[in-house]
Amino acid sequence: AAGGPYDRALELIKKAMRLNPNYPPWYLGSLRLTYIYLKRYNDAIP
């Protein structure tokens, strides 16, 4: 939301998913947005 750095945001959300494999759906929403901000659209779609 603050404009990045998005690569760090990606690192944090992926770490959160590793720490809690039963993560709530909003983690995926955050991961999707991070990929979009990084222009990694092929990763964002799935």
All heavy atoms as atom14 arrays in JSON, in Angstrom:
{
  "sequence": "AAGGPYDRALELIKKAMRLNPNYPPWYLGSLRLTYIYLKRYNDAIP",
  "atom14_mask": [
    [1, 1, 1, 1, 1, 0, 0, 0, 0, 0, 0, 0, 0, 0],
    [1, 1, 1, 1, 1, 0, 0, 0, 0, 0, 0, 0, 0, 0],
    [1, 1, 1, 1, 0, 0, 0, 0, 0, 0, 0, 0, 0, 0],
    [1, 1, 1, 1, 0, 0, 0, 0, 0, 0, 0, 0, 0, 0],
    [1, 1, 1, 1, 1, 1, 1, 0, 0, 0, 0, 0, 0, 0],
    [1, 1, 1, 1, 1, 1, 1, 1, 1, 1, 1, 1, 0, 0],
    [1, 1, 1, 1, 1, 1, 1, 1, 0, 0, 0, 0, 0, 0],
    [1, 1, 1, 1, 1, 1, 1, 1, 1, 1, 1, 0, 0, 0],
    [1, 1, 1, 1, 1, 0, 0, 0, 0, 0, 0, 0, 0, 0],
    [1, 1, 1, 1, 1, 1, 1, 1, 0, 0, 0, 0, 0, 0],
    [1, 1, 1, 1, 1, 1, 1, 1, 1, 0, 0, 0, 0, 0],
    [1, 1, 1, 1, 1, 1, 1, 1, 0, 0, 0, 0, 0, 0],
    [1, 1, 1, 1, 1, 1, 1, 1, 0, 0, 0, 0, 0, 0],
    [1, 1, 1, 1, 1, 1, 1, 1, 1, 0, 0, 0, 0, 0],
    [1, 1, 1, 1, 1, 1, 1, 1, 1, 0, 0, 0, 0, 0],
    [1, 1, 1, 1, 1, 0, 0, 0, 0, 0, 0, 0, 0, 0],
    [1, 1, 1, 1, 1, 1, 1, 1, 0, 0, 0, 0, 0, 0],
    [1, 1, 1, 1, 1, 1, 1, 1, 1, 1, 1, 0, 0, 0],
    [1, 1, 1, 1, 1, 1, 1, 1, 0, 0, 0, 0, 0, 0],
    [1, 1, 1, 1, 1, 1, 1, 1, 0, 0, 0, 0, 0, 0],
    [1, 1, 1, 1, 1, 1, 1, 0, 0, 0, 0, 0, 0, 0],
    [1, 1, 1, 1, 1, 1, 1, 1, 0, 0, 0, 0, 0, 0],
    [1, 1, 1, 1, 1, 1, 1, 1, 1, 1, 1, 1, 0, 0],
    [1, 1, 1, 1, 1, 1, 1, 0, 0, 0, 0, 0, 0, 0],
    [1, 1, 1, 1, 1, 1, 1, 0, 0, 0, 0, 0, 0, 0],
    [1, 1, 1, 1, 1, 1, 1, 1, 1, 1, 1, 1, 1, 1],
    [1, 1, 1, 1, 1, 1, 1, 1, 1, 1, 1, 1, 0, 0],
    [1, 1, 1, 1, 1, 1, 1, 1, 0, 0, 0, 0, 0, 0],
    [1, 1, 1, 1, 0, 0, 0, 0, 0, 0, 0, 0, 0, 0],
    [1, 1, 1, 1, 1, 1, 0, 0, 0, 0, 0, 0, 0, 0],
    [1, 1, 1, 1, 1, 1, 1, 1, 0, 0, 0, 0, 0, 0],
    [1, 1, 1, 1, 1, 1, 1, 1, 1, 1, 1, 0, 0, 0],
    [1, 1, 1, 1, 1, 1, 1, 1, 0, 0, 0, 0, 0, 0],
    [1, 1, 1, 1, 1, 1, 1, 0, 0, 0, 0, 0, 0, 0],
    [1, 1, 1, 1, 1, 1, 1, 1, 1, 1, 1, 1, 0, 0],
    [1, 1, 1, 1, 1, 1, 1, 1, 0, 0, 0, 0, 0, 0],
    [1, 1, 1, 1, 1, 1, 1, 1, 1, 1, 1, 1, 0, 0],
    [1, 1, 1, 1, 1, 1, 1, 1, 0, 0, 0, 0, 0, 0],
    [1, 1, 1, 1, 1, 1, 1, 1, 1, 0, 0, 0, 0, 0],
    [1, 1, 1, 1, 1, 1, 1, 1, 1, 1, 1, 0, 0, 0],
    [1, 1, 1, 1, 1, 1, 1, 1, 1, 1, 1, 1, 0, 0],
    [1, 1, 1, 1, 1, 1, 1, 1, 0, 0, 0, 0, 0, 0],
    [1, 1, 1, 1, 1, 1, 1, 1, 0, 0, 0, 0, 0, 0],
    [1, 1, 1, 1, 1, 0, 0, 0, 0, 0, 0, 0, 0, 0],
    [1, 1, 1, 1, 1, 1, 1, 1, 0, 0, 0, 0, 0, 0],
    [1, 1, 1, 1, 1, 1, 1, 0, 0, 0, 0, 0, 0, 0]
  ],
  "atom14_positions": [
    [[0.82, -1.21, 0.0], [0.0, 0.0, 0.0], [0.85, 1.26, 0.0], [0.46, 2.3, -0.55], [-0.93, 0.0, 1.21], [0.0, 0.0, 0.0], [0.0, 0.0, 0.0], [0.0, 0.0, 0.0], [0.0, 0.0, 0.0], [0.0, 0.0, 0.0], [0.0, 0.0, 0.0], [0.0, 0.0, 0.0], [0.0, 0.0, 0.0], [0.0, 0.0, 0.0]],
    [[2.03, 1.17, 0.62], [2.91, 2.34, 0.74], [3.79, 2.54, -0.49], [4.55, 3.5, -0.54], [3.77, 2.2, 1.98], [0.0, 0.0, 0.0], [0.0, 0.0, 0.0], [0.0, 0.0, 0.0], [0.0, 0.0, 0.0], [0.0, 0.0, 0.0], [0.0, 0.0, 0.0], [0.0, 0.0, 0.0], [0.0, 0.0, 0.0], [0.0, 0.0, 0.0]],
    [[3.7, 1.63, -1.46], [4.49, 1.79, -2.68], [5.77, 1.01, -2.71], [6.66, 1.28, -3.52], [0.0, 0.0, 0.0], [0.0, 0.0, 0.0], [0.0, 0.0, 0.0], [0.0, 0.0, 0.0], [0.0, 0.0, 0.0], [0.0, 0.0, 0.0], [0.0, 0.0, 0.0], [0.0, 0.0, 0.0], [0.0, 0.0, 0.0], [0.0, 0.0, 0.0]],
    [[5.9, 0.04, -1.82], [7.06, -0.83, -1.85], [8.05, -0.58, -0.71], [7.74, 0.17, 0.22], [0.0, 0.0, 0.0], [0.0, 0.0, 0.0], [0.0, 0.0, 0.0], [0.0, 0.0, 0.0], [0.0, 0.0, 0.0], [0.0, 0.0, 0.0], [0.0, 0.0, 0.0], [0.0, 0.0, 0.0], [0.0, 0.0, 0.0], [0.0, 0.0, 0.0]],
    [[9.2, -1.25, -0.81], [9.69, -2.07, -1.93], [8.91, -3.39, -2.07], [8.74, -4.12, -1.1], [11.15, -2.32, -1.58], [11.23, -2.18, -0.1], [10.2, -1.16, 0.28], [0.0, 0.0, 0.0], [0.0, 0.0, 0.0], [0.0, 0.0, 0.0], [0.0, 0.0, 0.0], [0.0, 0.0, 0.0], [0.0, 0.0, 0.0], [0.0, 0.0, 0.0]],
    [[8.47, -3.66, -3.31], [7.62, -4.81, -3.55], [8.36, -6.14, -3.44], [7.76, -7.15, -3.08], [6.96, -4.69, -4.93], [6.12, -3.45, -5.08], [6.34, -2.55, -6.13], [5.11, -3.16, -4.16], [5.57, -1.41, -6.27], [4.34, -2.01, -4.28], [4.57, -1.14, -5.34], [3.8, -0.01, -5.46], [0.0, 0.0, 0.0], [0.0, 0.0, 0.0]],
    [[9.65, -6.13, -3.75], [10.4, -7.38, -3.62], [10.48, -7.8, -2.16], [10.43, -8.99, -1.83], [11.8, -7.27, -4.24], [12.6, -6.11, -3.7], [12.03, -5.23, -3.0], [13.81, -6.05, -3.97], [0.0, 0.0, 0.0], [0.0, 0.0, 0.0], [0.0, 0.0, 0.0], [0.0, 0.0, 0.0], [0.0, 0.0, 0.0], [0.0, 0.0, 0.0]],
    [[10.55, -6.83, -1.27], [10.57, -7.16, 0.15], [9.19, -7.63, 0.61], [9.06, -8.54, 1.42], [11.0, -5.95, 0.98], [11.15, -6.32, 2.46], [11.95, -5.32, 3.22], [12.08, -5.73, 4.6], [11.77, -4.96, 5.65], [11.33, -3.74, 5.47], [11.93, -5.41, 6.88], [0.0, 0.0, 0.0], [0.0, 0.0, 0.0], [0.0, 0.0, 0.0]],
    [[8.14, -6.99, 0.08], [6.79, -7.43, 0.4], [6.57, -8.88, -0.02], [5.97, -9.67, 0.71], [5.76, -6.53, -0.29], [0.0, 0.0, 0.0], [0.0, 0.0, 0.0], [0.0, 0.0, 0.0], [0.0, 0.0, 0.0], [0.0, 0.0, 0.0], [0.0, 0.0, 0.0], [0.0, 0.0, 0.0], [0.0, 0.0, 0.0], [0.0, 0.0, 0.0]],
    [[7.11, -9.25, -1.18], [7.0, -10.63, -1.66], [7.71, -11.59, -0.72], [7.19, -12.65, -0.38], [7.58, -10.74, -3.07], [7.51, -12.12, -3.71], [6.08, -12.58, -3.88], [8.24, -12.1, -5.06], [0.0, 0.0, 0.0], [0.0, 0.0, 0.0], [0.0, 0.0, 0.0], [0.0, 0.0, 0.0], [0.0, 0.0, 0.0], [0.0, 0.0, 0.0]],
    [[8.88, -11.2, -0.29], [9.65, -12.02, 0.64], [8.88, -12.24, 1.94], [8.82, -13.35, 2.48], [10.98, -11.33, 0.93], [11.87, -12.02, 1.93], [13.12, -11.2, 2.24], [13.66, -10.56, 1.32], [13.54, -11.18, 3.41], [0.0, 0.0, 0.0], [0.0, 0.0, 0.0], [0.0, 0.0, 0.0], [0.0, 0.0, 0.0], [0.0, 0.0, 0.0]],
    [[8.23, -11.18, 2.43], [7.5, -11.25, 3.7], [6.24, -12.12, 3.59], [5.96, -12.92, 4.48], [7.13, -9.85, 4.17], [8.29, -8.96, 4.64], [7.8, -7.54, 4.87], [8.92, -9.51, 5.91], [0.0, 0.0, 0.0], [0.0, 0.0, 0.0], [0.0, 0.0, 0.0], [0.0, 0.0, 0.0], [0.0, 0.0, 0.0], [0.0, 0.0, 0.0]],
    [[5.47, -11.96, 2.51], [4.24, -12.73, 2.4], [4.54, -14.2, 2.17], [3.83, -15.09, 2.68], [3.32, -12.16, 1.29], [1.93, -12.81, 1.36], [3.92, -12.32, -0.08], [1.18, -12.57, 2.62], [0.0, 0.0, 0.0], [0.0, 0.0, 0.0], [0.0, 0.0, 0.0], [0.0, 0.0, 0.0], [0.0, 0.0, 0.0], [0.0, 0.0, 0.0]],
    [[5.6, -14.5, 1.44], [5.99, -15.91, 1.25], [6.47, -16.52, 2.57], [6.18, -17.68, 2.87], [7.06, -16.02, 0.18], [6.53, -15.86, -1.24], [7.6, -16.18, -2.26], [7.02, -16.24, -3.66], [8.04, -16.62, -4.67], [0.0, 0.0, 0.0], [0.0, 0.0, 0.0], [0.0, 0.0, 0.0], [0.0, 0.0, 0.0], [0.0, 0.0, 0.0]],
    [[7.18, -15.73, 3.35], [7.62, -16.21, 4.66], [6.42, -16.48, 5.56], [6.37, -17.49, 6.27], [8.54, -15.18, 5.32], [9.07, -15.63, 6.68], [10.01, -14.59, 7.28], [10.53, -15.06, 8.64], [11.43, -14.05, 9.27], [0.0, 0.0, 0.0], [0.0, 0.0, 0.0], [0.0, 0.0, 0.0], [0.0, 0.0, 0.0], [0.0, 0.0, 0.0]],
    [[5.42, -15.6, 5.51], [4.21, -15.79, 6.31], [3.52, -17.1, 5.95], [3.04, -17.83, 6.83], [3.26, -14.61, 6.09], [0.0, 0.0, 0.0], [0.0, 0.0, 0.0], [0.0, 0.0, 0.0], [0.0, 0.0, 0.0], [0.0, 0.0, 0.0], [0.0, 0.0, 0.0], [0.0, 0.0, 0.0], [0.0, 0.0, 0.0], [0.0, 0.0, 0.0]],
    [[3.48, -17.42, 4.67], [2.84, -18.66, 4.22], [3.62, -19.89, 4.66], [3.03, -20.93, 4.96], [2.7, -18.64, 2.7], [1.67, -17.65, 2.21], [1.63, -17.55, 0.4], [0.06, -16.7, 0.16], [0.0, 0.0, 0.0], [0.0, 0.0, 0.0], [0.0, 0.0, 0.0], [0.0, 0.0, 0.0], [0.0, 0.0, 0.0], [0.0, 0.0, 0.0]],
    [[4.93, -19.76, 4.73], [5.73, -20.88, 5.23], [5.51, -21.07, 6.73], [5.44, -22.21, 7.23], [7.23, -20.64, 4.96], [7.62, -20.71, 3.5], [9.13, -20.82, 3.34], [9.86, -19.72, 3.96], [10.14, -18.58, 3.35], [9.73, -18.37, 2.1], [10.82, -17.63, 3.97], [0.0, 0.0, 0.0], [0.0, 0.0, 0.0], [0.0, 0.0, 0.0]],
    [[5.41, -19.96, 7.45], [5.22, -20.02, 8.89], [3.84, -20.55, 9.27], [3.68, -21.2, 10.3], [5.44, -18.64, 9.5], [6.88, -18.11, 9.51], [6.89, -16.62, 9.84], [7.73, -18.89, 10.51], [0.0, 0.0, 0.0], [0.0, 0.0, 0.0], [0.0, 0.0, 0.0], [0.0, 0.0, 0.0], [0.0, 0.0, 0.0], [0.0, 0.0, 0.0]],
    [[2.86, -20.26, 8.44], [1.49, -20.72, 8.7], [0.91, -21.34, 7.43], [0.23, -20.67, 6.66], [0.6, -19.56, 9.17], [-0.83, -20.02, 9.43], [-1.1, -21.21, 9.58], [-1.75, -19.07, 9.47], [0.0, 0.0, 0.0], [0.0, 0.0, 0.0], [0.0, 0.0, 0.0], [0.0, 0.0, 0.0], [0.0, 0.0, 0.0], [0.0, 0.0, 0.0]],
    [[1.18, -22.62, 7.18], [0.68, -23.27, 5.96], [-0.84, -23.26, 5.84], [-1.37, -23.38, 4.74], [1.21, -24.71, 6.09], [2.37, -24.61, 7.02], [1.99, -23.53, 7.99], [0.0, 0.0, 0.0], [0.0, 0.0, 0.0], [0.0, 0.0, 0.0], [0.0, 0.0, 0.0], [0.0, 0.0, 0.0], [0.0, 0.0, 0.0], [0.0, 0.0, 0.0]],
    [[-1.54, -23.12, 6.97], [-3.0, -23.02, 6.95], [-3.45, -21.57, 6.96], [-4.39, -21.19, 7.64], [-3.58, -23.75, 8.17], [-3.26, -25.22, 8.18], [-3.64, -25.95, 7.26], [-2.54, -25.67, 9.18], [0.0, 0.0, 0.0], [0.0, 0.0, 0.0], [0.0, 0.0, 0.0], [0.0, 0.0, 0.0], [0.0, 0.0, 0.0], [0.0, 0.0, 0.0]],
    [[-2.76, -20.77, 6.16], [-3.0, -19.33, 6.14], [-4.41, -18.99, 5.67], [-5.02, -19.73, 4.88], [-1.97, -18.63, 5.24], [-1.86, -19.21, 3.85], [-2.78, -18.88, 2.85], [-0.84, -20.11, 3.53], [-2.68, -19.41, 1.59], [-0.73, -20.65, 2.26], [-1.66, -20.29, 1.29], [-1.57, -20.83, 0.04], [0.0, 0.0, 0.0], [0.0, 0.0, 0.0]],
    [[-4.95, -17.85, 6.15], [-6.27, -17.4, 5.7], [-6.2, -16.87, 4.27], [-5.12, -16.51, 3.78], [-6.6, -16.27, 6.68], [-5.28, -15.78, 7.16], [-4.38, -16.97, 7.2], [0.0, 0.0, 0.0], [0.0, 0.0, 0.0], [0.0, 0.0, 0.0], [0.0, 0.0, 0.0], [0.0, 0.0, 0.0], [0.0, 0.0, 0.0], [0.0, 0.0, 0.0]],
    [[-7.33, -16.8, 3.56], [-7.34, -16.41, 2.15], [-6.74, -15.04, 1.86], [-6.22, -14.81, 0.77], [-8.83, -16.45, 1.79], [-9.41, -17.46, 2.71], [-8.65, -17.3, 4.01], [0.0, 0.0, 0.0], [0.0, 0.0, 0.0], [0.0, 0.0, 0.0], [0.0, 0.0, 0.0], [0.0, 0.0, 0.0], [0.0, 0.0, 0.0], [0.0, 0.0, 0.0]],
    [[-6.78, -14.12, 2.83], [-6.28, -12.78, 2.53], [-4.78, -12.76, 2.26], [-4.27, -11.85, 1.61], [-6.66, -11.78, 3.62], [-6.01, -11.92, 4.95], [-6.47, -12.58, 6.03], [-4.77, -11.31, 5.37], [-5.61, -12.46, 7.09], [-4.57, -11.68, 6.72], [-3.83, -10.5, 4.75], [-3.45, -11.26, 7.45], [-2.71, -10.08, 5.48], [-2.53, -10.47, 6.8]],
    [[-4.05, -13.79, 2.71], [-2.64, -13.89, 2.37], [-2.49, -13.99, 0.85], [-1.57, -13.4, 0.26], [-2.01, -15.14, 3.0], [-1.65, -15.06, 4.47], [-2.38, -14.29, 5.36], [-0.6, -15.82, 4.97], [-2.06, -14.27, 6.71], [-0.27, -15.8, 6.33], [-1.01, -15.02, 7.19], [-0.69, -15.0, 8.53], [0.0, 0.0, 0.0], [0.0, 0.0, 0.0]],
    [[-3.37, -14.75, 0.21], [-3.32, -14.91, -1.24], [-3.63, -13.59, -1.94], [-3.03, -13.28, -2.97], [-4.32, -15.98, -1.69], [-3.99, -17.42, -1.28], [-5.18, -18.33, -1.53], [-2.76, -17.92, -2.03], [0.0, 0.0, 0.0], [0.0, 0.0, 0.0], [0.0, 0.0, 0.0], [0.0, 0.0, 0.0], [0.0, 0.0, 0.0], [0.0, 0.0, 0.0]],
    [[-4.55, -12.82, -1.37], [-4.85, -11.51, -1.95], [-3.63, -10.61, -1.93], [-3.34, -9.89, -2.89], [0.0, 0.0, 0.0], [0.0, 0.0, 0.0], [0.0, 0.0, 0.0], [0.0, 0.0, 0.0], [0.0, 0.0, 0.0], [0.0, 0.0, 0.0], [0.0, 0.0, 0.0], [0.0, 0.0, 0.0], [0.0, 0.0, 0.0], [0.0, 0.0, 0.0]],
    [[-2.9, -10.65, -0.83], [-1.68, -9.85, -0.72], [-0.61, -10.34, -1.68], [0.07, -9.53, -2.33], [-1.17, -9.9, 0.73], [-0.07, -9.04, 0.9], [0.0, 0.0, 0.0], [0.0, 0.0, 0.0], [0.0, 0.0, 0.0], [0.0, 0.0, 0.0], [0.0, 0.0, 0.0], [0.0, 0.0, 0.0], [0.0, 0.0, 0.0], [0.0, 0.0, 0.0]],
    [[-0.46, -11.66, -1.8], [0.52, -12.22, -2.72], [0.18, -11.85, -4.16], [1.07, -11.48, -4.95], [0.56, -13.74, -2.57], [1.52, -14.51, -3.49], [2.97, -14.07, -3.26], [1.37, -16.01, -3.28], [0.0, 0.0, 0.0], [0.0, 0.0, 0.0], [0.0, 0.0, 0.0], [0.0, 0.0, 0.0], [0.0, 0.0, 0.0], [0.0, 0.0, 0.0]],
    [[-1.11, -11.93, -4.51], [-1.54, -11.57, -5.87], [-1.19, -10.12, -6.2], [-0.62, -9.84, -7.27], [-3.06, -11.78, -5.98], [-3.68, -11.23, -7.25], [-5.19, -11.46, -7.25], [-5.85, -10.91, -6.09], [-6.23, -9.64, -5.97], [-5.99, -8.77, -6.96], [-6.84, -9.22, -4.89], [0.0, 0.0, 0.0], [0.0, 0.0, 0.0], [0.0, 0.0, 0.0]],
    [[-1.5, -9.22, -5.27], [-1.2, -7.81, -5.51], [0.3, -7.57, -5.64], [0.75, -6.77, -6.47], [-1.76, -6.95, -4.38], [-3.27, -6.73, -4.39], [-3.7, -5.97, -3.15], [-3.68, -5.97, -5.66], [0.0, 0.0, 0.0], [0.0, 0.0, 0.0], [0.0, 0.0, 0.0], [0.0, 0.0, 0.0], [0.0, 0.0, 0.0], [0.0, 0.0, 0.0]],
    [[1.09, -8.27, -4.84], [2.54, -8.1, -4.9], [3.07, -8.51, -6.26], [3.9, -7.81, -6.85], [3.23, -8.92, -3.79], [2.64, -8.63, -2.53], [4.71, -8.59, -3.73], [0.0, 0.0, 0.0], [0.0, 0.0, 0.0], [0.0, 0.0, 0.0], [0.0, 0.0, 0.0], [0.0, 0.0, 0.0], [0.0, 0.0, 0.0], [0.0, 0.0, 0.0]],
    [[2.6, -9.64, -6.77], [3.02, -10.07, -8.11], [2.62, -9.04, -9.17], [3.38, -8.75, -10.1], [2.4, -11.42, -8.44], [3.13, -12.61, -7.86], [2.43, -13.67, -7.29], [4.52, -12.69, -7.91], [3.1, -14.77, -6.76], [5.19, -13.79, -7.39], [4.48, -14.82, -6.82], [5.14, -15.91, -6.3], [0.0, 0.0, 0.0], [0.0, 0.0, 0.0]],
    [[1.43, -8.47, -9.02], [0.96, -7.47, -9.99], [1.85, -6.23, -9.95], [2.27, -5.7, -10.98], [-0.51, -7.11, -9.73], [-1.4, -8.29, -10.09], [-0.91, -5.87, -10.52], [-2.85, -8.12, -9.69], [0.0, 0.0, 0.0], [0.0, 0.0, 0.0], [0.0, 0.0, 0.0], [0.0, 0.0, 0.0], [0.0, 0.0, 0.0], [0.0, 0.0, 0.0]],
    [[2.17, -5.78, -8.74], [3.03, -4.6, -8.6], [4.42, -4.85, -9.17], [5.07, -3.93, -9.68], [3.13, -4.18, -7.13], [1.84, -3.64, -6.55], [1.49, -3.92, -5.22], [0.99, -2.85, -7.3], [0.31, -3.42, -4.68], [-0.2, -2.36, -6.77], [-0.52, -2.65, -5.46], [-1.69, -2.16, -4.93], [0.0, 0.0, 0.0], [0.0, 0.0, 0.0]],
    [[4.86, -6.1, -9.08], [6.16, -6.48, -9.63], [6.09, -6.79, -11.13], [7.1, -7.14, -11.74], [6.72, -7.71, -8.88], [7.21, -7.47, -7.45], [7.44, -8.8, -6.74], [8.49, -6.64, -7.45], [0.0, 0.0, 0.0], [0.0, 0.0, 0.0], [0.0, 0.0, 0.0], [0.0, 0.0, 0.0], [0.0, 0.0, 0.0], [0.0, 0.0, 0.0]],
    [[4.87, -6.67, -11.69], [4.61, -6.96, -13.11], [4.88, -8.43, -13.46], [5.2, -8.77, -14.59], [5.42, -6.04, -14.02], [5.16, -4.56, -13.77], [5.81, -3.68, -14.81], [5.72, -2.21, -14.46], [4.37, -1.73, -14.16], [0.0, 0.0, 0.0], [0.0, 0.0, 0.0], [0.0, 0.0, 0.0], [0.0, 0.0, 0.0], [0.0, 0.0, 0.0]],
    [[4.72, -9.3, -12.48], [4.86, -10.74, -12.68], [3.46, -11.33, -12.86], [2.95, -12.07, -12.03], [5.61, -11.38, -11.51], [7.08, -10.97, -11.43], [7.79, -11.46, -10.18], [7.69, -12.9, -10.01], [8.32, -13.57, -9.03], [9.1, -12.9, -8.17], [8.18, -14.87, -8.91], [0.0, 0.0, 0.0], [0.0, 0.0, 0.0], [0.0, 0.0, 0.0]],
    [[2.84, -10.98, -13.98], [1.43, -11.31, -14.18], [1.19, -12.82, -14.3], [0.14, -13.31, -13.87], [0.92, -10.58, -15.42], [1.12, -9.08, -15.33], [1.94, -8.4, -16.24], [0.52, -8.33, -14.31], [2.14, -7.04, -16.15], [0.71, -6.96, -14.21], [1.53, -6.32, -15.13], [1.73, -4.97, -15.03], [0.0, 0.0, 0.0], [0.0, 0.0, 0.0]],
    [[2.12, -13.54, -14.9], [1.95, -14.99, -15.04], [1.93, -15.69, -13.67], [1.3, -16.73, -13.51], [3.07, -15.58, -15.91], [2.9, -15.21, -17.36], [1.8, -14.93, -17.83], [4.0, -15.2, -18.11], [0.0, 0.0, 0.0], [0.0, 0.0, 0.0], [0.0, 0.0, 0.0], [0.0, 0.0, 0.0], [0.0, 0.0, 0.0], [0.0, 0.0, 0.0]],
    [[2.65, -15.1, -12.72], [2.63, -15.65, -11.36], [1.34, -15.25, -10.63], [0.85, -15.98, -9.76], [3.84, -15.17, -10.56], [5.15, -15.76, -11.05], [5.16, -16.97, -11.36], [6.14, -15.03, -11.13], [0.0, 0.0, 0.0], [0.0, 0.0, 0.0], [0.0, 0.0, 0.0], [0.0, 0.0, 0.0], [0.0, 0.0, 0.0], [0.0, 0.0, 0.0]],
    [[0.81, -14.08, -10.97], [-0.37, -13.56, -10.29], [-1.64, -14.34, -10.65], [-2.53, -14.52, -9.81], [-0.57, -12.09, -10.61], [0.0, 0.0, 0.0], [0.0, 0.0, 0.0], [0.0, 0.0, 0.0], [0.0, 0.0, 0.0], [0.0, 0.0, 0.0], [0.0, 0.0, 0.0], [0.0, 0.0, 0.0], [0.0, 0.0, 0.0], [0.0, 0.0, 0.0]],
    [[-1.73, -14.82, -11.89], [-2.97, -15.45, -12.37], [-3.36, -16.68, -11.55], [-4.51, -16.76, -11.07], [-2.86, -15.81, -13.87], [-2.84, -14.5, -14.69], [-4.01, -16.7, -14.31], [-2.51, -14.71, -16.16], [0.0, 0.0, 0.0], [0.0, 0.0, 0.0], [0.0, 0.0, 0.0], [0.0, 0.0, 0.0], [0.0, 0.0, 0.0], [0.0, 0.0, 0.0]],
    [[-2.47, -17.67, -11.34], [-2.89, -18.84, -10.54], [-3.21, -18.49, -9.09], [-4.08, -19.11, -8.47], [-1.7, -19.79, -10.64], [-0.54, -18.95, -11.05], [-1.11, -17.85, -11.87], [0.0, 0.0, 0.0], [0.0, 0.0, 0.0], [0.0, 0.0, 0.0], [0.0, 0.0, 0.0], [0.0, 0.0, 0.0], [0.0, 0.0, 0.0], [0.0, 0.0, 0.0]]
  ]
}
